[in-house]
Protein backbone atom coordinates (compact mmCIF):
# COMPACT_ATOMS: atom_id res chain seq x y z
CA UNK A 1 -10.32 66.48 80.00
CA UNK A 2 -12.04 68.99 77.68
CA UNK A 3 -14.35 67.36 75.22
CA UNK A 4 -13.72 67.94 71.48
CA UNK A 5 -17.14 69.54 71.08
CA UNK A 6 -16.30 72.11 73.78
CA UNK A 7 -12.95 72.84 72.15
CA UNK A 8 -14.76 73.55 68.87
CA UNK A 9 -17.14 75.93 70.64
CA UNK A 10 -14.28 77.82 72.30
CA UNK A 11 -12.39 78.20 69.03
CA UNK A 12 -15.53 79.42 67.27
CA UNK A 13 -16.27 81.87 70.09
CA UNK A 14 -12.92 83.65 69.87
CA UNK A 15 -11.84 83.18 66.27
CA UNK A 16 -13.83 85.67 64.11
CA UNK A 17 -12.87 88.98 65.77
CA UNK A 18 -9.47 87.94 67.12
CA UNK A 19 -8.43 86.40 63.80
CA UNK A 20 -9.42 89.60 61.97
CA UNK A 21 -7.29 91.72 64.29
CA UNK A 22 -4.35 89.29 64.32
CA UNK A 23 -4.28 89.23 60.52
CA UNK A 24 -4.67 92.99 60.14
CA UNK A 25 -3.42 94.34 57.84
CA UNK A 26 -3.15 91.62 55.24
CA UNK A 27 -3.61 93.84 52.18
CA UNK A 28 -2.74 97.44 51.19
CA UNK A 29 -4.36 100.32 53.05
CA UNK A 30 -5.55 103.48 51.33
CA UNK A 31 -4.77 106.70 53.20
CA UNK A 32 -7.01 109.43 51.79
CA UNK A 33 -5.80 113.01 52.06
CA UNK A 34 -8.64 115.48 51.32
CA UNK A 35 -6.36 118.15 49.83
CA UNK A 36 -4.08 118.45 46.81
CA UNK A 37 -0.47 117.26 47.17
CA UNK A 38 1.84 119.59 49.11
CA UNK A 39 1.43 121.41 52.42
CA UNK A 40 1.29 120.21 56.01
CA UNK A 41 -1.49 117.66 55.55
CA UNK A 42 0.37 115.91 52.76
CA UNK A 43 3.72 115.95 54.62
CA UNK A 44 2.19 114.27 57.66
CA UNK A 45 0.29 111.73 55.55
CA UNK A 46 3.37 110.60 53.64
CA UNK A 47 5.53 110.28 56.75
CA UNK A 48 2.87 108.26 58.56
CA UNK A 49 2.23 106.11 55.46
CA UNK A 50 5.93 105.32 55.08
CA UNK A 51 6.31 104.47 58.76
CA UNK A 52 3.27 102.21 58.89
CA UNK A 53 4.28 100.47 55.65
CA UNK A 54 7.70 99.68 57.11
CA UNK A 55 6.26 98.40 60.38
CA UNK A 56 3.44 96.34 58.88
CA UNK A 57 5.06 95.08 55.70
CA UNK A 58 1.97 96.23 53.82
CA UNK A 59 1.66 99.21 51.51
CA UNK A 60 -0.09 102.29 52.88
CA UNK A 61 -0.91 104.24 49.74
CA UNK A 62 -1.48 108.01 49.98
CA UNK A 63 -4.44 109.02 47.82
CA UNK A 64 -5.03 112.77 47.43
CA UNK A 65 -8.59 113.88 46.75
CA UNK A 66 -8.85 117.66 47.06
CA UNK A 67 -11.86 119.87 46.46
CA UNK A 68 -14.96 121.01 48.26
CA UNK A 69 -13.05 122.20 51.31
CA UNK A 70 -12.04 118.61 52.02
CA UNK A 71 -15.63 117.33 51.88
CA UNK A 72 -14.99 115.15 48.80
CA UNK A 73 -12.13 113.23 50.39
CA UNK A 74 -13.82 112.85 53.78
CA UNK A 75 -16.99 111.55 52.10
CA UNK A 76 -14.95 108.85 50.37
CA UNK A 77 -13.74 107.59 53.76
CA UNK A 78 -17.21 107.78 55.31
CA UNK A 79 -18.64 105.62 52.49
CA UNK A 80 -15.84 103.03 52.55
CA UNK A 81 -16.21 99.61 54.22
CA UNK A 82 -15.56 99.79 57.98
CA UNK A 83 -12.75 97.23 57.85
CA UNK A 84 -9.65 99.34 58.59
CA UNK A 85 -8.41 99.45 55.00
CA UNK A 86 -9.46 103.04 54.32
CA UNK A 87 -7.97 105.76 56.51
CA UNK A 88 -8.24 109.56 56.54
CA UNK A 89 -5.54 112.10 57.32
CA UNK A 90 -7.63 115.15 58.19
CA UNK A 91 -7.13 118.46 59.95
CA UNK A 92 -9.37 120.54 62.16
CA UNK A 93 -10.36 122.37 58.97
CA UNK A 94 -11.96 119.18 57.67
CA UNK A 95 -13.24 117.75 60.94
CA UNK A 96 -14.24 120.61 63.27
CA UNK A 97 -14.43 123.74 61.08
CA UNK A 98 -16.51 122.01 58.39
CA UNK A 99 -19.67 121.45 60.50
CA UNK A 100 -19.77 125.20 61.11
CA UNK A 101 -18.91 126.28 57.57
CA UNK A 102 -21.12 123.93 55.53
CA UNK A 103 -24.87 123.82 55.91
CA UNK A 104 -25.51 120.30 54.59
CA UNK A 105 -22.46 118.12 55.12
CA UNK A 106 -23.06 114.62 53.71
CA UNK A 107 -21.74 113.10 56.93
CA UNK A 108 -21.54 113.64 60.69
CA UNK A 109 -17.89 113.94 61.69
CA UNK A 110 -18.58 112.49 65.14
CA UNK A 111 -20.74 109.55 64.07
CA UNK A 112 -19.38 108.61 60.66
CA UNK A 113 -15.66 108.63 61.45
CA UNK A 114 -13.66 106.64 64.01
CA UNK A 115 -10.81 108.70 65.50
CA UNK A 116 -7.49 106.86 65.79
CA UNK A 117 -4.97 109.45 67.00
CA UNK A 118 -3.68 112.92 66.50
CA UNK A 119 -0.50 112.90 64.43
CA UNK A 120 0.82 116.48 64.51
CA UNK A 121 0.25 120.05 65.61
CA UNK A 122 1.24 123.07 63.56
CA UNK A 123 1.80 126.03 65.88
CA UNK A 124 0.75 129.45 64.61
CA UNK A 125 2.18 132.85 65.49
CA UNK A 126 0.45 136.17 66.06
CA UNK A 127 2.65 138.55 64.09
CA UNK A 128 2.50 142.28 63.33
CA UNK A 129 4.14 144.59 60.84
CA UNK A 130 6.92 146.61 62.55
CA UNK A 131 5.09 149.86 61.78
CA UNK A 132 2.30 148.90 64.18
CA UNK A 133 3.03 150.38 67.64
CA UNK A 134 2.38 147.14 69.53
CA UNK A 135 5.20 145.14 71.08
CA UNK A 136 3.05 142.76 73.11
CA UNK A 137 -0.36 141.13 72.98
CA UNK A 138 -1.64 143.51 75.66
CA UNK A 139 -0.49 146.53 73.66
CA UNK A 140 -2.14 145.14 70.52
CA UNK A 141 -5.45 144.61 72.35
CA UNK A 142 -5.32 148.10 73.84
CA UNK A 143 -4.60 149.61 70.43
CA UNK A 144 -7.44 147.66 68.80
CA UNK A 145 -9.88 148.79 71.52
CA UNK A 146 -8.91 152.43 71.04
CA UNK A 147 -9.38 152.12 67.27
CA UNK A 148 -12.32 149.79 66.50
CA UNK A 149 -12.04 148.74 62.86
CA UNK A 150 -8.76 150.61 62.52
CA UNK A 151 -6.48 147.58 62.27
CA UNK A 152 -6.42 145.21 59.31
CA UNK A 153 -5.58 141.54 59.53
CA UNK A 154 -4.74 139.19 56.71
CA UNK A 155 -5.54 135.54 56.20
CA UNK A 156 -5.06 132.78 53.65
CA UNK A 157 -8.77 132.81 52.86
CA UNK A 158 -12.21 133.18 54.41
CA UNK A 159 -13.06 130.30 56.72
CA UNK A 160 -9.46 129.09 56.93
CA UNK A 161 -7.33 128.60 60.00
CA UNK A 162 -5.73 132.05 60.07
CA UNK A 163 -9.13 133.72 59.61
CA UNK A 164 -10.98 131.76 62.31
CA UNK A 165 -8.02 131.93 64.68
CA UNK A 166 -8.08 135.74 64.48
CA UNK A 167 -11.85 135.84 64.85
CA UNK A 168 -11.44 133.76 68.01
CA UNK A 169 -8.93 136.34 69.26
CA UNK A 170 -11.41 139.16 68.65
CA UNK A 171 -14.19 137.30 70.46
CA UNK A 172 -11.83 136.58 73.36
CA UNK A 173 -10.73 140.21 73.70
CA UNK A 174 -13.78 142.22 72.67
CA UNK A 175 -11.93 143.83 69.77
CA UNK A 176 -12.94 144.51 66.19
CA UNK A 177 -10.49 144.45 63.29
CA UNK A 178 -10.96 144.36 59.51
CA UNK A 179 -10.42 141.06 57.70
CA UNK A 180 -8.54 141.06 54.39
CA UNK A 181 -8.58 137.56 52.84
CA UNK A 182 -5.97 136.42 50.33
CA UNK A 183 -5.76 133.41 48.06
CA UNK A 184 -3.40 131.35 50.18
CA UNK A 185 -0.83 131.75 52.92
CA UNK A 186 1.89 133.00 50.57
CA UNK A 187 0.02 136.11 49.40
CA UNK A 188 -1.13 136.74 52.98
CA UNK A 189 2.47 136.63 54.19
CA UNK A 190 3.54 138.99 51.41
CA UNK A 191 0.81 141.43 52.45
CA UNK A 192 2.02 141.43 56.04
CA UNK A 193 5.65 141.93 55.01
CA UNK A 194 4.72 144.91 52.84
CA UNK A 195 2.49 146.48 55.48
CA UNK A 196 -0.61 146.06 53.33
CA UNK A 197 -2.15 144.42 56.41
CA UNK A 198 -0.98 145.08 59.94
CA UNK A 199 -1.36 141.73 61.66
CA UNK A 200 -1.77 138.06 60.79
CA UNK A 201 -1.87 134.67 62.44
CA UNK A 202 0.41 132.44 60.36
CA UNK A 203 2.19 129.09 60.75
CA UNK A 204 5.44 129.27 62.66
CA UNK A 205 7.53 127.77 59.83
CA UNK A 206 6.37 130.54 57.47
CA UNK A 207 6.94 133.29 60.00
CA UNK A 208 10.24 132.19 61.55
CA UNK A 209 12.67 133.40 58.83
CA UNK A 210 11.08 136.88 58.85
CA UNK A 211 11.08 137.03 62.65
CA UNK A 212 14.85 136.56 62.60
CA UNK A 213 15.41 139.36 60.09
CA UNK A 214 13.09 141.77 61.89
CA UNK A 215 10.78 142.17 58.89
CA UNK A 216 7.87 141.27 61.14
CA UNK A 217 7.38 141.33 64.90
CA UNK A 218 6.15 138.11 66.52
CA UNK A 219 4.08 138.70 69.66
CA UNK A 220 3.01 135.21 70.75
CA UNK A 221 2.17 131.70 69.66
CA UNK A 222 -1.47 130.71 69.49
CA UNK A 223 -1.39 127.23 71.02
CA UNK A 224 -1.98 126.02 74.56
CA UNK A 225 1.77 125.58 75.03
CA UNK A 226 4.91 127.24 73.71
CA UNK A 227 6.30 126.15 70.37
CA UNK A 228 9.48 124.10 70.15
CA UNK A 229 10.46 126.22 67.13
CA UNK A 230 10.15 129.53 69.04
CA UNK A 231 10.39 128.71 72.75
CA UNK A 232 10.96 132.33 73.80
CA UNK A 233 7.56 133.43 72.51
CA UNK A 234 4.78 133.30 75.11
CA UNK A 235 1.41 131.81 74.33
CA UNK A 236 -1.42 134.28 73.76
CA UNK A 237 -2.97 132.93 76.95
CA UNK A 238 0.21 133.66 78.90
CA UNK A 239 0.44 137.10 77.28
CA UNK A 240 -2.91 138.34 78.55
CA UNK A 241 -5.81 136.40 76.99
CA UNK A 242 -6.44 133.53 79.43
CA UNK A 243 -7.92 130.44 77.84
CA UNK A 244 -7.14 131.36 74.24
CA UNK A 245 -5.72 128.35 72.39
CA UNK A 246 -5.59 127.47 68.73
CA UNK A 247 -3.32 125.29 66.60
CA UNK A 248 -3.84 123.55 63.33
CA UNK A 249 -3.81 119.82 64.02
CA UNK A 250 -3.63 116.75 61.84
CA UNK A 251 -5.13 113.41 62.81
CA UNK A 252 -5.94 109.94 61.52
CA UNK A 253 -9.43 108.50 61.39
CA UNK A 254 -11.07 105.34 60.07
CA UNK A 255 -14.53 104.89 58.65
CA UNK A 256 -17.10 104.89 61.45
CA UNK A 257 -17.83 101.41 62.79
CA UNK A 258 -14.30 100.07 62.24
CA UNK A 259 -13.65 97.39 64.92
CA UNK A 260 -12.19 98.98 68.03
CA UNK A 261 -9.38 96.43 68.26
CA UNK A 262 -8.17 97.49 64.81
CA UNK A 263 -8.40 101.15 65.88
CA UNK A 264 -6.35 100.41 69.02
CA UNK A 265 -3.77 98.36 67.11
CA UNK A 266 -3.29 101.19 64.60
CA UNK A 267 -3.09 103.77 67.36
CA UNK A 268 -0.20 101.88 68.96
CA UNK A 269 1.67 101.67 65.66
CA UNK A 270 1.21 105.38 64.95
CA UNK A 271 2.69 106.19 68.36
CA UNK A 272 5.77 104.12 67.47
CA UNK A 273 6.13 105.77 64.07
CA UNK A 274 6.03 109.24 65.64
CA UNK A 275 8.91 108.34 67.96
CA UNK A 276 11.20 107.85 64.96
CA UNK A 277 14.10 110.35 64.84
CA UNK A 278 13.61 110.68 61.08
CA UNK A 279 9.98 111.73 61.55
CA UNK A 280 10.92 114.16 64.32
CA UNK A 281 13.57 115.76 62.10
CA UNK A 282 11.21 116.12 59.13
CA UNK A 283 8.46 117.50 61.35
CA UNK A 284 10.80 120.11 62.84
CA UNK A 285 11.89 121.32 59.39
CA UNK A 286 8.22 121.79 58.42
CA UNK A 287 7.25 123.59 61.64
CA UNK A 288 5.29 120.59 62.92
CA UNK A 289 5.26 118.96 66.33
CA UNK A 290 4.41 115.29 67.01
CA UNK A 291 1.10 114.75 68.81
CA UNK A 292 -0.24 111.41 69.99
CA UNK A 293 -3.56 110.72 71.71
CA UNK A 294 -5.70 107.73 72.51
CA UNK A 295 -8.75 107.26 70.29
CA UNK A 296 -11.00 108.44 73.15
CA UNK A 297 -8.91 111.57 73.75
CA UNK A 298 -9.05 112.45 70.06
CA UNK A 299 -12.82 111.88 69.95
CA UNK A 300 -13.32 114.08 73.03
CA UNK A 301 -11.24 116.85 71.46
CA UNK A 302 -13.36 116.77 68.29
CA UNK A 303 -16.55 116.88 70.36
CA UNK A 304 -15.30 119.94 72.29
CA UNK A 305 -14.03 121.83 69.23
CA UNK A 306 -17.12 121.65 67.02
CA UNK A 307 -19.33 123.97 69.14
CA UNK A 308 -16.34 126.26 69.74
CA UNK A 309 -15.90 126.90 66.01
CA UNK A 310 -19.65 127.11 65.43
CA UNK A 311 -19.70 130.06 67.85
CA UNK A 312 -16.71 131.68 66.13
CA UNK A 313 -18.27 131.33 62.66
CA UNK A 314 -21.56 132.76 63.91
CA UNK A 315 -19.82 135.69 65.65
CA UNK A 316 -17.85 136.41 62.46
CA UNK A 317 -21.11 136.67 60.54
CA UNK A 318 -20.16 133.87 58.16
CA UNK A 319 -23.10 132.11 56.59
CA UNK A 320 -22.67 128.33 56.10
CA UNK A 321 -22.44 127.41 52.41
């Protein structure tokens, strides 16, 4: 027979942490999005928030805090209590580009945030204006090598995904093209359609309608695997640049130091939300693809990407702000 005193010790030994996890969440959760409303980041955040709210019976409130290249919103999460009630929906722009682009970040993305899971990938496409005599990635590389500085490429802004993705392509192929930054993806797409720039790396959802009409020529997708939205397009790696891989990704993170059991519990719920047919349908219409990882896989990916983009930023001659 177990003595009452021993029973009390056993209950005390297991109750604090296990009770916290069992009760989680027992109040609303704030999901901070470090950009203004609209766009891929916001779409993913609101779908995940709705799914988690339905599963948990607790509100997950999306809270947009744009500005500072995402630094303002990320800082809010870093400074929040590490109790699982403040979550971040960030992208590689906020998590792995930022350490290369900003000289004095007020946080360390690897130490001050606790990765939960990836939530989505946004495949990008390497596209050219039809006037450019390149019908494959190999032909584009050969043309760029014959004419150093003779090809212009557009982007949605310096230091953004389309810019750094193209700089990575130049580093990977030993080519040199001229960057023409625009104020957003829309103006960059317009410039490509008009022939003002000759190539661009742009999200598949933006490019797809113009691929179908022949107004632009899509050569390849940029990711490690083919896109569900354009399965006939090879990856750049398949098309002649082995090892090249780049997508925009979106992922969920807690404040650093959040109990691992809460991280694991949330990870499992996110995986269930992403299996929803409604989420899959909305993702597909926005050019997004579901992506789920374990917390450790997500953390390892962040660790690998940071030095990769630091090298790209340095090679592009960009000086951290």
